Amino acid sequence: MLKRNKSIENRILFFIVSIILITLIARDFYIKSEVKKSNKFTIAKFTLKKDLPKTTNFYFTYILNGEKIVTANSGINYDILNSETETKIIDNLKINCFYLAKYDPKHPNIIIVDPLKKVTDTTEILKTGFSREDIEN
């Protein structure tokens, strides 16, 4: 009887954990699709590439409503499904350079950076809220 109860408890626990994981994954896909649908663009500065044991994080800074937001959730990552061309594009990202990015004000920590659209026009960069010091560093 005790063994049967433990088995039922384990199944319930597994079910609950599975539901939580599925919910988190679905939420992430939903938010990214909302950002993709958004027609709001900004300029983001590539500030840091952090190599970790099983992943690489790409940090971008952008300004929304006068507030600097730093995020690693930029839609850029090394993935087994990336083509050789996509991997080369990611490898060619330059730290302290500016790129065009899509954002959704409802989800400010998630942006989608276009690594092919490097922004060099200082007037455009300044219009988004970056300072001359941000551009020079």
N, C-alpha and C. Protein backbone atom coordinates (compact mmCIF):
# COMPACT_ATOMS: atom_id res chain seq x y z
N MET A 1 0.83 -1.20 0.00
CA MET A 1 0.00 0.00 0.00
C MET A 1 0.87 1.27 0.00
N LEU A 2 1.90 1.27 0.85
CA LEU A 2 2.78 2.43 0.93
C LEU A 2 3.52 2.66 -0.39
N LYS A 3 3.93 1.55 -1.03
CA LYS A 3 4.63 1.65 -2.31
C LYS A 3 3.71 2.22 -3.39
N ARG A 4 2.45 1.82 -3.36
CA ARG A 4 1.48 2.31 -4.34
C ARG A 4 1.24 3.81 -4.17
N ASN A 5 1.14 4.28 -2.93
CA ASN A 5 0.94 5.71 -2.66
C ASN A 5 2.13 6.53 -3.15
N LYS A 6 3.34 6.00 -2.94
CA LYS A 6 4.54 6.70 -3.37
C LYS A 6 4.58 6.79 -4.90
N SER A 7 4.15 5.74 -5.56
CA SER A 7 4.11 5.74 -7.02
C SER A 7 3.11 6.79 -7.53
N ILE A 8 1.98 6.88 -6.90
CA ILE A 8 0.97 7.88 -7.28
C ILE A 8 1.51 9.29 -7.03
N GLU A 9 2.17 9.48 -5.89
CA GLU A 9 2.76 10.79 -5.59
C GLU A 9 3.80 11.18 -6.63
N ASN A 10 4.63 10.23 -7.03
CA ASN A 10 5.65 10.50 -8.05
C ASN A 10 5.02 10.87 -9.38
N ARG A 11 3.96 10.20 -9.76
CA ARG A 11 3.28 10.50 -11.01
C ARG A 11 2.65 11.90 -10.97
N ILE A 12 2.04 12.23 -9.85
CA ILE A 12 1.43 13.56 -9.70
C ILE A 12 2.51 14.64 -9.77
N LEU A 13 3.63 14.41 -9.07
CA LEU A 13 4.73 15.37 -9.09
C LEU A 13 5.28 15.53 -10.51
N PHE A 14 5.48 14.43 -11.21
CA PHE A 14 5.96 14.47 -12.59
C PHE A 14 4.98 15.24 -13.48
N PHE A 15 3.70 15.01 -13.30
CA PHE A 15 2.68 15.69 -14.08
C PHE A 15 2.71 17.20 -13.84
N ILE A 16 2.82 17.60 -12.58
CA ILE A 16 2.84 19.02 -12.23
C ILE A 16 4.09 19.70 -12.81
N VAL A 17 5.24 19.07 -12.66
CA VAL A 17 6.48 19.63 -13.20
C VAL A 17 6.40 19.74 -14.72
N SER A 18 5.84 18.73 -15.37
CA SER A 18 5.68 18.75 -16.83
C SER A 18 4.80 19.91 -17.27
N ILE A 19 3.69 20.11 -16.58
CA ILE A 19 2.77 21.21 -16.91
C ILE A 19 3.48 22.56 -16.76
N ILE A 20 4.25 22.72 -15.69
CA ILE A 20 4.98 23.97 -15.47
C ILE A 20 5.98 24.22 -16.59
N LEU A 21 6.74 23.20 -16.96
CA LEU A 21 7.73 23.34 -18.04
C LEU A 21 7.07 23.68 -19.37
N ILE A 22 6.00 22.99 -19.69
CA ILE A 22 5.28 23.25 -20.94
C ILE A 22 4.74 24.68 -20.96
N THR A 23 4.22 25.13 -19.82
CA THR A 23 3.70 26.50 -19.71
C THR A 23 4.81 27.53 -19.94
N LEU A 24 5.97 27.32 -19.33
CA LEU A 24 7.08 28.26 -19.50
C LEU A 24 7.58 28.30 -20.94
N ILE A 25 7.67 27.15 -21.57
CA ILE A 25 8.11 27.10 -22.97
C ILE A 25 7.09 27.78 -23.87
N ALA A 26 5.82 27.49 -23.65
CA ALA A 26 4.76 28.10 -24.46
C ALA A 26 4.75 29.62 -24.28
N ARG A 27 4.95 30.09 -23.05
CA ARG A 27 4.98 31.53 -22.77
C ARG A 27 6.13 32.20 -23.54
N ASP A 28 7.30 31.56 -23.55
CA ASP A 28 8.44 32.11 -24.26
C ASP A 28 8.16 32.21 -25.76
N PHE A 29 7.58 31.16 -26.35
CA PHE A 29 7.23 31.20 -27.77
C PHE A 29 6.19 32.28 -28.05
N TYR A 30 5.21 32.42 -27.15
CA TYR A 30 4.16 33.42 -27.33
C TYR A 30 4.76 34.83 -27.32
N ILE A 31 5.61 35.11 -26.33
CA ILE A 31 6.20 36.45 -26.22
C ILE A 31 7.06 36.75 -27.45
N LYS A 32 7.87 35.79 -27.88
CA LYS A 32 8.71 36.02 -29.06
C LYS A 32 7.87 36.24 -30.31
N SER A 33 6.75 35.56 -30.42
CA SER A 33 5.88 35.79 -31.58
C SER A 33 5.24 37.18 -31.51
N GLU A 34 4.92 37.65 -30.30
CA GLU A 34 4.38 39.00 -30.13
C GLU A 34 5.42 40.05 -30.55
N VAL A 35 6.66 39.83 -30.16
CA VAL A 35 7.72 40.77 -30.54
C VAL A 35 7.91 40.77 -32.05
N LYS A 36 7.88 39.58 -32.67
CA LYS A 36 8.03 39.49 -34.13
C LYS A 36 6.90 40.23 -34.85
N LYS A 37 5.68 40.16 -34.31
CA LYS A 37 4.53 40.83 -34.92
C LYS A 37 4.58 42.34 -34.74
N SER A 38 5.27 42.78 -33.71
CA SER A 38 5.34 44.20 -33.40
C SER A 38 6.03 44.96 -34.53
N ASN A 39 5.56 46.15 -34.79
CA ASN A 39 6.19 46.99 -35.81
C ASN A 39 7.01 48.10 -35.18
N LYS A 40 7.51 47.86 -33.99
CA LYS A 40 8.32 48.86 -33.30
C LYS A 40 9.79 48.47 -33.41
N PHE A 41 10.58 49.42 -33.88
CA PHE A 41 12.00 49.18 -34.06
C PHE A 41 12.80 50.16 -33.22
N THR A 42 13.96 49.73 -32.80
CA THR A 42 14.89 50.58 -32.09
C THR A 42 16.30 50.18 -32.49
N ILE A 43 17.25 50.82 -31.87
CA ILE A 43 18.65 50.48 -32.11
C ILE A 43 19.22 49.93 -30.81
N ALA A 44 19.91 48.79 -30.92
CA ALA A 44 20.49 48.15 -29.75
C ALA A 44 22.01 48.06 -29.92
N LYS A 45 22.71 48.23 -28.82
CA LYS A 45 24.17 48.16 -28.84
C LYS A 45 24.61 46.79 -28.32
N PHE A 46 25.44 46.11 -29.08
CA PHE A 46 25.99 44.82 -28.66
C PHE A 46 27.09 45.10 -27.65
N THR A 47 26.89 44.68 -26.40
CA THR A 47 27.81 45.06 -25.33
C THR A 47 28.67 43.93 -24.79
N LEU A 48 28.22 42.68 -24.91
CA LEU A 48 28.99 41.60 -24.29
C LEU A 48 28.64 40.26 -24.91
N LYS A 49 29.66 39.46 -25.12
CA LYS A 49 29.48 38.06 -25.54
C LYS A 49 30.08 37.22 -24.43
N LYS A 50 29.23 36.44 -23.78
CA LYS A 50 29.66 35.66 -22.62
C LYS A 50 29.59 34.18 -22.95
N ASP A 51 30.76 33.54 -23.04
CA ASP A 51 30.81 32.10 -23.31
C ASP A 51 30.68 31.34 -22.01
N LEU A 52 29.67 30.50 -21.94
CA LEU A 52 29.42 29.66 -20.77
C LEU A 52 29.58 28.20 -21.18
N PRO A 53 29.62 27.27 -20.22
CA PRO A 53 29.86 25.87 -20.57
C PRO A 53 28.97 25.29 -21.67
N LYS A 54 27.73 25.49 -21.73
CA LYS A 54 26.94 24.87 -22.79
C LYS A 54 26.16 25.87 -23.63
N THR A 55 26.49 27.13 -23.47
CA THR A 55 25.77 28.16 -24.22
C THR A 55 26.63 29.41 -24.34
N THR A 56 26.20 30.31 -25.16
CA THR A 56 26.83 31.63 -25.29
C THR A 56 25.72 32.67 -25.19
N ASN A 57 25.91 33.63 -24.30
CA ASN A 57 24.93 34.71 -24.16
C ASN A 57 25.43 35.96 -24.88
N PHE A 58 24.52 36.59 -25.61
CA PHE A 58 24.82 37.82 -26.33
C PHE A 58 24.02 38.93 -25.66
N TYR A 59 24.71 39.89 -25.05
CA TYR A 59 24.04 40.97 -24.33
C TYR A 59 23.94 42.22 -25.19
N PHE A 60 22.74 42.77 -25.23
CA PHE A 60 22.48 44.00 -25.96
C PHE A 60 21.87 45.01 -25.01
N THR A 61 22.18 46.29 -25.25
CA THR A 61 21.60 47.39 -24.48
C THR A 61 20.80 48.25 -25.44
N TYR A 62 19.60 48.60 -24.99
CA TYR A 62 18.82 49.56 -25.77
C TYR A 62 18.06 50.45 -24.82
N ILE A 63 17.51 51.53 -25.34
CA ILE A 63 16.85 52.52 -24.49
C ILE A 63 15.38 52.57 -24.84
N LEU A 64 14.55 52.43 -23.80
CA LEU A 64 13.10 52.49 -23.95
C LEU A 64 12.56 53.45 -22.90
N ASN A 65 11.90 54.50 -23.35
CA ASN A 65 11.34 55.53 -22.46
C ASN A 65 12.41 56.11 -21.52
N GLY A 66 13.59 56.35 -22.05
CA GLY A 66 14.66 56.96 -21.27
C GLY A 66 15.39 56.01 -20.34
N GLU A 67 15.02 54.75 -20.32
CA GLU A 67 15.63 53.76 -19.43
C GLU A 67 16.48 52.79 -20.24
N LYS A 68 17.73 52.59 -19.78
CA LYS A 68 18.61 51.62 -20.45
C LYS A 68 18.21 50.22 -20.02
N ILE A 69 18.01 49.37 -20.99
CA ILE A 69 17.65 47.99 -20.72
C ILE A 69 18.74 47.10 -21.30
N VAL A 70 19.26 46.21 -20.46
CA VAL A 70 20.27 45.25 -20.90
C VAL A 70 19.61 43.88 -20.92
N THR A 71 19.74 43.19 -22.04
CA THR A 71 19.10 41.89 -22.15
C THR A 71 19.97 40.90 -22.91
N ALA A 72 19.88 39.64 -22.50
CA ALA A 72 20.55 38.56 -23.24
C ALA A 72 19.51 37.84 -24.09
N ASN A 73 18.26 38.23 -23.96
CA ASN A 73 17.18 37.59 -24.71
C ASN A 73 16.96 38.39 -26.00
N SER A 74 17.86 38.17 -26.95
CA SER A 74 17.89 39.00 -28.16
C SER A 74 17.56 38.24 -29.44
N GLY A 75 17.20 36.99 -29.30
CA GLY A 75 16.91 36.19 -30.49
C GLY A 75 18.15 35.71 -31.21
N ILE A 76 19.32 36.01 -30.65
CA ILE A 76 20.57 35.56 -31.26
C ILE A 76 21.17 34.49 -30.37
N ASN A 77 21.42 33.34 -30.96
CA ASN A 77 22.07 32.26 -30.22
C ASN A 77 22.64 31.23 -31.18
N TYR A 78 23.64 30.54 -30.68
CA TYR A 78 24.18 29.42 -31.44
C TYR A 78 23.23 28.25 -31.23
N ASP A 79 22.86 27.62 -32.32
CA ASP A 79 21.90 26.53 -32.25
C ASP A 79 22.32 25.46 -33.23
N ILE A 80 22.05 24.23 -32.88
CA ILE A 80 22.38 23.12 -33.76
C ILE A 80 21.63 23.23 -35.09
N LEU A 81 20.51 23.93 -35.08
CA LEU A 81 19.70 24.09 -36.29
C LEU A 81 20.15 25.26 -37.17
N ASN A 82 21.10 26.06 -36.67
CA ASN A 82 21.61 27.19 -37.46
C ASN A 82 22.36 26.67 -38.68
N SER A 83 22.17 27.36 -39.79
CA SER A 83 22.96 27.03 -40.98
C SER A 83 24.37 27.57 -40.80
N GLU A 84 25.25 27.18 -41.68
CA GLU A 84 26.63 27.67 -41.62
C GLU A 84 26.66 29.19 -41.82
N THR A 85 25.79 29.67 -42.69
CA THR A 85 25.70 31.11 -42.95
C THR A 85 25.25 31.86 -41.70
N GLU A 86 24.22 31.34 -41.03
CA GLU A 86 23.73 31.99 -39.80
C GLU A 86 24.82 32.02 -38.73
N THR A 87 25.55 30.94 -38.60
CA THR A 87 26.63 30.89 -37.62
C THR A 87 27.70 31.92 -37.94
N LYS A 88 28.05 32.07 -39.21
CA LYS A 88 29.05 33.08 -39.61
C LYS A 88 28.55 34.49 -39.31
N ILE A 89 27.27 34.73 -39.55
CA ILE A 89 26.69 36.05 -39.26
C ILE A 89 26.80 36.35 -37.77
N ILE A 90 26.47 35.36 -36.95
CA ILE A 90 26.56 35.54 -35.50
C ILE A 90 28.01 35.78 -35.08
N ASP A 91 28.93 35.02 -35.67
CA ASP A 91 30.36 35.19 -35.36
C ASP A 91 30.86 36.58 -35.72
N ASN A 92 30.25 37.21 -36.72
CA ASN A 92 30.70 38.52 -37.19
C ASN A 92 30.11 39.70 -36.41
N LEU A 93 29.29 39.44 -35.41
CA LEU A 93 28.78 40.53 -34.58
C LEU A 93 29.95 41.21 -33.89
N LYS A 94 29.95 42.51 -33.87
CA LYS A 94 31.04 43.28 -33.27
C LYS A 94 30.57 43.95 -31.99
N ILE A 95 31.34 43.74 -30.93
CA ILE A 95 31.02 44.38 -29.65
C ILE A 95 31.15 45.89 -29.81
N ASN A 96 30.25 46.61 -29.15
CA ASN A 96 30.15 48.08 -29.18
C ASN A 96 29.63 48.62 -30.51
N CYS A 97 29.07 47.75 -31.33
CA CYS A 97 28.42 48.20 -32.56
C CYS A 97 26.91 48.19 -32.34
N PHE A 98 26.21 48.92 -33.18
CA PHE A 98 24.77 49.09 -33.05
C PHE A 98 24.04 48.33 -34.16
N TYR A 99 22.90 47.72 -33.78
CA TYR A 99 22.12 46.93 -34.72
C TYR A 99 20.64 47.28 -34.58
N LEU A 100 19.91 47.10 -35.65
CA LEU A 100 18.46 47.32 -35.64
C LEU A 100 17.80 46.18 -34.86
N ALA A 101 16.82 46.51 -34.04
CA ALA A 101 16.14 45.50 -33.23
C ALA A 101 14.64 45.79 -33.17
N LYS A 102 13.87 44.73 -33.12
CA LYS A 102 12.42 44.82 -32.95
C LYS A 102 12.12 44.63 -31.47
N TYR A 103 11.11 45.35 -30.97
CA TYR A 103 10.75 45.20 -29.56
C TYR A 103 9.25 45.37 -29.40
N ASP A 104 8.76 44.96 -28.24
CA ASP A 104 7.37 45.15 -27.86
C ASP A 104 7.38 45.78 -26.47
N PRO A 105 6.80 46.97 -26.30
CA PRO A 105 6.84 47.64 -24.99
C PRO A 105 6.26 46.81 -23.85
N LYS A 106 5.37 45.86 -24.17
CA LYS A 106 4.79 45.01 -23.12
C LYS A 106 5.81 44.02 -22.56
N HIS A 107 6.84 43.72 -23.35
CA HIS A 107 7.86 42.75 -22.95
C HIS A 107 9.24 43.36 -23.20
N PRO A 108 9.65 44.33 -22.39
CA PRO A 108 10.87 45.09 -22.68
C PRO A 108 12.17 44.30 -22.59
N ASN A 109 12.19 43.16 -21.91
CA ASN A 109 13.43 42.41 -21.78
C ASN A 109 13.68 41.45 -22.94
N ILE A 110 12.77 41.42 -23.89
CA ILE A 110 12.94 40.54 -25.04
C ILE A 110 12.92 41.39 -26.31
N ILE A 111 14.00 41.29 -27.07
CA ILE A 111 14.10 41.98 -28.35
C ILE A 111 14.54 40.97 -29.40
N ILE A 112 14.37 41.34 -30.64
CA ILE A 112 14.88 40.51 -31.73
C ILE A 112 15.81 41.38 -32.56
N VAL A 113 17.08 41.10 -32.43
CA VAL A 113 18.12 41.87 -33.11
C VAL A 113 18.34 41.29 -34.50
N ASP A 114 18.46 42.17 -35.47
CA ASP A 114 18.79 41.75 -36.84
C ASP A 114 20.29 41.92 -37.03
N PRO A 115 21.06 40.83 -36.99
CA PRO A 115 22.52 40.95 -37.09
C PRO A 115 23.01 41.42 -38.45
N LEU A 116 22.13 41.44 -39.43
CA LEU A 116 22.51 41.91 -40.77
C LEU A 116 22.34 43.41 -40.93
N LYS A 117 21.64 44.04 -40.00
CA LYS A 117 21.35 45.47 -40.12
C LYS A 117 22.14 46.26 -39.08
N LYS A 118 23.40 46.47 -39.40
CA LYS A 118 24.27 47.26 -38.55
C LYS A 118 23.95 48.74 -38.77
N VAL A 119 23.87 49.50 -37.69
CA VAL A 119 23.54 50.93 -37.77
C VAL A 119 24.80 51.73 -37.48
N THR A 120 25.16 52.60 -38.41
CA THR A 120 26.36 53.43 -38.24
C THR A 120 26.04 54.92 -38.22
N ASP A 121 24.81 55.29 -38.53
CA ASP A 121 24.39 56.69 -38.58
C ASP A 121 24.26 57.22 -37.15
N THR A 122 25.20 58.08 -36.74
CA THR A 122 25.19 58.59 -35.37
C THR A 122 23.93 59.38 -35.05
N THR A 123 23.38 60.07 -36.01
CA THR A 123 22.14 60.83 -35.77
C THR A 123 21.01 59.88 -35.37
N GLU A 124 20.88 58.78 -36.08
CA GLU A 124 19.84 57.80 -35.76
C GLU A 124 20.08 57.18 -34.38
N ILE A 125 21.33 56.88 -34.06
CA ILE A 125 21.67 56.29 -32.76
C ILE A 125 21.34 57.28 -31.65
N LEU A 126 21.69 58.55 -31.83
CA LEU A 126 21.40 59.57 -30.82
C LEU A 126 19.90 59.76 -30.63
N LYS A 127 19.12 59.65 -31.71
CA LYS A 127 17.66 59.81 -31.62
C LYS A 127 17.02 58.75 -30.72
N THR A 128 17.63 57.58 -30.64
CA THR A 128 17.04 56.51 -29.81
C THR A 128 17.38 56.68 -28.33
N GLY A 129 18.25 57.65 -28.01
CA GLY A 129 18.52 57.93 -26.60
C GLY A 129 19.94 57.65 -26.15
N PHE A 130 20.75 57.07 -27.02
CA PHE A 130 22.15 56.85 -26.65
C PHE A 130 22.89 58.18 -26.64
N SER A 131 23.93 58.26 -25.81
CA SER A 131 24.73 59.48 -25.75
C SER A 131 25.95 59.34 -26.66
N ARG A 132 26.63 60.45 -26.89
CA ARG A 132 27.87 60.40 -27.68
C ARG A 132 28.89 59.48 -27.01
N GLU A 133 28.90 59.51 -25.68
CA GLU A 133 29.81 58.64 -24.93
C GLU A 133 29.50 57.16 -25.20
N ASP A 134 28.21 56.82 -25.27
CA ASP A 134 27.82 55.44 -25.59
C ASP A 134 28.32 55.04 -26.97
N ILE A 135 28.28 55.97 -27.89
CA ILE A 135 28.70 55.69 -29.27
C ILE A 135 30.22 55.50 -29.34
N GLU A 136 30.95 56.32 -28.61
CA GLU A 136 32.41 56.27 -28.67
C GLU A 136 33.00 55.10 -27.91
N ASN A 137 32.29 54.57 -26.93
CA ASN A 137 32.84 53.46 -26.13
C ASN A 137 32.39 52.16 -26.67
